[in-house]
Amino acid sequence: MTEGVCIMASIKEDREELDLTKLLEDKDKLIDKLRMNMRDYIMMHQTDKDLLGVKIREVEELTRDNKRLAKEIDDILNMRNNAR
């Protein structure tokens, strides 16, 4: 009788590995996890785009300021050279 019980237990273990219901549940959990990850990545991407836009504007403003300061320095040096 114990041999029959062992065989039944073995069959049950084999069936659990191939149980389609369990595979479908696992698939659904994996899909939900992937959806959540995608949502998180999309939110991070949008945040990165917003920050990049801010940094681009800052660089453009600094570039304009540098050009203005370079012109002022050039004007000052020209005035100093003309005064000699």
Protein backbone atom coordinates (compact mmCIF):
# COMPACT_ATOMS: atom_id res chain seq x y z
CA MET A 1 0.00 0.00 0.00
CA THR A 2 2.83 2.44 0.75
CA GLU A 3 4.13 1.91 -2.76
CA GLY A 4 0.75 3.01 -4.15
CA VAL A 5 0.79 6.08 -1.91
CA CYS A 6 4.30 6.96 -3.11
CA ILE A 7 3.23 6.58 -6.73
CA MET A 8 0.19 8.82 -6.15
CA ALA A 9 2.35 11.40 -4.41
CA SER A 10 4.79 11.26 -7.30
CA ILE A 11 1.98 11.73 -9.81
CA LYS A 12 0.64 14.66 -7.81
CA GLU A 13 4.10 16.29 -7.73
CA ASP A 14 4.48 15.82 -11.48
CA ARG A 15 1.03 17.25 -12.10
CA GLU A 16 1.77 20.30 -9.94
CA GLU A 17 4.75 21.16 -12.13
CA LEU A 18 2.58 21.08 -15.23
CA ASP A 19 -0.59 22.46 -13.68
CA LEU A 20 -1.85 25.03 -16.21
CA THR A 21 -3.89 26.86 -13.60
CA LYS A 22 -0.76 27.54 -11.55
CA LEU A 23 1.13 28.59 -14.69
CA LEU A 24 -1.66 31.00 -15.63
CA GLU A 25 -1.68 32.51 -12.14
CA ASP A 26 2.09 32.91 -12.27
CA LYS A 27 1.78 34.49 -15.72
CA ASP A 28 -0.80 36.96 -14.47
CA LYS A 29 1.41 37.90 -11.50
CA LEU A 30 4.37 38.40 -13.81
CA ILE A 31 2.32 40.54 -16.20
CA ASP A 32 1.08 42.69 -13.30
CA LYS A 33 4.64 43.10 -12.04
CA LEU A 34 5.86 44.08 -15.51
CA ARG A 35 3.04 46.60 -15.87
CA MET A 36 3.96 48.19 -12.56
CA ASN A 37 7.62 48.33 -13.58
CA MET A 38 6.70 49.94 -16.92
CA ARG A 39 4.54 52.51 -15.14
CA ASP A 40 7.45 53.34 -12.81
CA TYR A 41 9.89 53.61 -15.73
CA ILE A 42 7.53 55.88 -17.67
CA MET A 43 7.19 58.16 -14.64
CA MET A 44 10.98 58.26 -14.17
CA HIS A 45 11.46 59.00 -17.87
CA GLN A 46 9.03 61.92 -17.69
CA THR A 47 10.78 63.28 -14.61
CA ASP A 48 14.14 62.97 -16.37
CA LYS A 49 12.76 64.79 -19.43
CA ASP A 50 11.47 67.61 -17.23
CA LEU A 51 14.82 67.93 -15.44
CA LEU A 52 16.69 67.85 -18.73
CA GLY A 53 14.50 70.66 -20.06
CA VAL A 54 15.29 72.78 -16.99
CA LYS A 55 19.02 72.11 -17.38
CA ILE A 56 18.93 72.99 -21.08
CA ARG A 57 17.30 76.33 -20.26
CA GLU A 58 19.91 76.97 -17.55
CA VAL A 59 22.77 76.25 -19.97
CA GLU A 60 21.25 78.55 -22.60
CA GLU A 61 20.89 81.33 -20.01
CA LEU A 62 24.48 80.85 -18.80
CA THR A 63 25.73 80.88 -22.39
CA ARG A 64 23.97 84.21 -23.01
CA ASP A 65 25.40 85.61 -19.75
CA ASN A 66 28.93 84.49 -20.69
CA LYS A 67 28.66 86.14 -24.11
CA ARG A 68 27.39 89.36 -22.50
CA LEU A 69 30.22 89.33 -19.94
CA ALA A 70 32.81 88.60 -22.63
CA LYS A 71 31.51 91.61 -24.59
CA GLU A 72 31.66 93.81 -21.50
CA ILE A 73 35.24 92.70 -20.77
CA ASP A 74 36.19 93.29 -24.40
CA ASP A 75 34.64 96.78 -24.27
CA ILE A 76 36.50 97.58 -21.04
CA LEU A 77 39.82 96.37 -22.49
CA ASN A 78 39.24 98.37 -25.68
CA MET A 79 38.48 101.51 -23.66
CA ARG A 80 41.64 100.95 -21.58
CA ASN A 81 43.77 100.43 -24.73
CA ASN A 82 42.30 103.52 -26.42
CA ALA A 83 43.00 105.63 -23.33
CA ARG A 84 46.74 104.93 -23.52
